Structures are given as structure tokens and as C-alpha cells.
C-alpha atoms as a PDB file:
ATOM      1  CA  MET A   1      -0.456  -7.746   7.711  1.00  0.00           C
ATOM      2  CA  LYS A   2      -3.161  -6.586   5.320  1.00  0.00           C
ATOM      3  CA  ILE A   3      -2.903  -6.278   1.544  1.00  0.00           C
ATOM      4  CA  THR A   4      -5.484  -4.250  -0.367  1.00  0.00           C
ATOM      5  CA  TYR A   5      -5.789  -3.395  -4.024  1.00  0.00           C
ATOM      6  CA  ASP A   6      -7.920  -0.633  -5.527  1.00  0.00           C
ATOM      7  CA  SER A   7      -8.471  -1.562  -9.168  1.00  0.00           C
ATOM      8  CA  THR A   8      -9.976   1.828 -10.054  1.00  0.00           C
ATOM      9  CA  LYS A   9      -6.728   3.553  -9.080  1.00  0.00           C
ATOM     10  CA  ASP A  10      -4.404   0.569  -9.710  1.00  0.00           C
ATOM     11  CA  LEU A  11      -3.083   1.079  -6.196  1.00  0.00           C
ATOM     12  CA  LEU A  12      -1.693  -1.686  -3.992  1.00  0.00           C
ATOM     13  CA  TYR A  13      -1.268  -1.066  -0.267  1.00  0.00           C
ATOM     14  CA  ILE A  14       0.608  -3.411   2.044  1.00  0.00           C
ATOM     15  CA  ARG A  15       0.082  -2.614   5.719  1.00  0.00           C
ATOM     16  CA  PHE A  16       2.319  -4.367   8.264  1.00  0.00           C
ATOM     17  CA  ASP A  17       0.863  -2.816  11.427  1.00  0.00           C
ATOM     18  CA  THR A  18      -2.851  -2.037  11.479  1.00  0.00           C
ATOM     19  CA  LYS A  19      -3.018  -0.061  14.731  1.00  0.00           C
ATOM     20  CA  GLU A  20      -3.983   3.623  14.617  1.00  0.00           C
ATOM     21  CA  GLN A  21      -0.856   5.820  14.585  1.00  0.00           C
ATOM     22  CA  THR A  22       0.704   8.936  13.121  1.00  0.00           C
ATOM     23  CA  LEU A  23       2.562   8.207   9.891  1.00  0.00           C
ATOM     24  CA  THR A  24       5.086  10.054   7.763  1.00  0.00           C
ATOM     25  CA  ASN A  25       5.275   9.425   4.015  1.00  0.00           C
ATOM     26  CA  ILE A  26       8.607   8.888   2.314  1.00  0.00           C
ATOM     27  CA  ILE A  27       8.465   9.053  -1.469  1.00  0.00           C
ATOM     28  CA  VAL A  28      10.909   6.509  -2.886  1.00  0.00           C
ATOM     29  CA  ASN A  29      10.012   7.231  -6.510  1.00  0.00           C
ATOM     30  CA  GLU A  30       6.943   8.197  -8.539  1.00  0.00           C
ATOM     31  CA  ASN A  31       5.338   4.790  -7.857  1.00  0.00           C
ATOM     32  CA  ILE A  32       6.372   3.839  -4.322  1.00  0.00           C
ATOM     33  CA  ILE A  33       5.540   5.585  -1.054  1.00  0.00           C
ATOM     34  CA  LEU A  34       6.582   4.272   2.362  1.00  0.00           C
ATOM     35  CA  ASP A  35       4.621   4.921   5.556  1.00  0.00           C
ATOM     36  CA  ILE A  36       6.895   5.289   8.588  1.00  0.00           C
ATOM     37  CA  ASN A  37       5.663   5.567  12.185  1.00  0.00           C
ATOM     38  CA  GLU A  38       6.951   7.770  14.999  1.00  0.00           C
ATOM     39  CA  ASP A  39       9.516   5.087  15.935  1.00  0.00           C
ATOM     40  CA  ASN A  40      10.908   5.180  12.364  1.00  0.00           C
ATOM     41  CA  LYS A  41       9.550   1.705  11.635  1.00  0.00           C
ATOM     42  CA  LEU A  42       8.070   0.759   8.273  1.00  0.00           C
ATOM     43  CA  VAL A  43       4.301   0.414   8.646  1.00  0.00           C
ATOM     44  CA  GLY A  44       3.084   0.365   5.042  1.00  0.00           C
ATOM     45  CA  ILE A  45       4.015   0.444   1.377  1.00  0.00           C
ATOM     46  CA  GLU A  46       1.843   2.084  -1.294  1.00  0.00           C
ATOM     47  CA  ILE A  47       2.495   1.069  -4.891  1.00  0.00           C
ATOM     48  CA  ILE A  48       0.964   3.192  -7.645  1.00  0.00           C
ATOM     49  CA  GLU A  49       0.395   1.561 -11.062  1.00  0.00           C
ATOM     50  CA  ALA A  50       0.790  -1.721  -9.220  1.00  0.00           C
ATOM     51  CA  SER A  51      -0.403  -3.967 -12.052  1.00  0.00           C
ATOM     52  CA  GLU A  52       2.543  -2.810 -14.160  1.00  0.00           C
ATOM     53  CA  MET A  53       5.077  -3.536 -11.403  1.00  0.00           C
ATOM     54  CA  ILE A  54       3.816  -6.671  -9.621  1.00  0.00           C
ATOM     55  CA  ALA A  55       2.141  -9.955 -10.577  1.00  0.00           C
ATOM     56  CA  LEU A  56      -0.979  -9.167  -8.552  1.00  0.00           C
ATOM     57  CA  GLU A  57      -2.594 -12.559  -9.112  1.00  0.00           C
ATOM     58  CA  GLN A  58       0.217 -14.123  -7.054  1.00  0.00           C
ATOM     59  CA  LEU A  59      -0.505 -12.060  -3.924  1.00  0.00           C
ATOM     60  CA  PHE A  60      -2.926 -13.516  -1.385  1.00  0.00           C
ATOM     61  CA  PRO A  61      -5.088 -12.498   0.295  1.00  0.00           C
ATOM     62  CA  ILE A  62      -5.920  -9.441  -1.776  1.00  0.00           C
ATOM     63  CA  ILE A  63      -9.029  -7.550  -0.817  1.00  0.00           C
ATOM     64  CA  LYS A  64     -10.285  -5.616  -3.827  1.00  0.00           C
ATOM     65  CA  ASN A  65     -11.892  -2.320  -2.900  1.00  0.00           C
ATOM     66  CA  THR A  66     -13.991  -0.150  -5.126  1.00  0.00           C
ATOM     67  CA  LEU A  67     -13.736   3.390  -3.836  1.00  0.00           C
ATOM     68  CA  SER A  68     -15.963   6.171  -5.081  1.00  0.00           C
ATOM     69  CA  HIS A  69     -14.765   9.740  -5.466  1.00  0.00           C
END
């Protein structure tokens, strides 16, 4: 499992399976997107505006990425 947080976009991504695969996105609501693989298994969760929804300081290990546009 890998947890990453992009502070510039306030986006938290939790990836359960890191192997390369084709994913389908399922939009749960305006802040949560699920990544599902070809076997219909949950591979990742993307949380937009994460700092407003989760106590980020309690998640470890968080790798903070600074992404440029």
C-alpha cells in the first residue's frame, strides 16, 4: 500500500496495489473517486480536498509530492 498527498492540490491518494494495470474510475461524490481494476477489485482511492475530510497528520507514511503544472 502507498499513500501520497499533494499539498498543492490538496489531493490524497491511497493505492492498495502498485502494479501496472488498466483502471476504471468510479465517482462516488465530488470528493471521492475509486480506481477499480479489470477484476472489479478496488485498487485506489483518490480524495479531493483531503485536508477538510481527513486528519492527515494521523496517516503514516505520507509522501508529500510537489507537482508542477
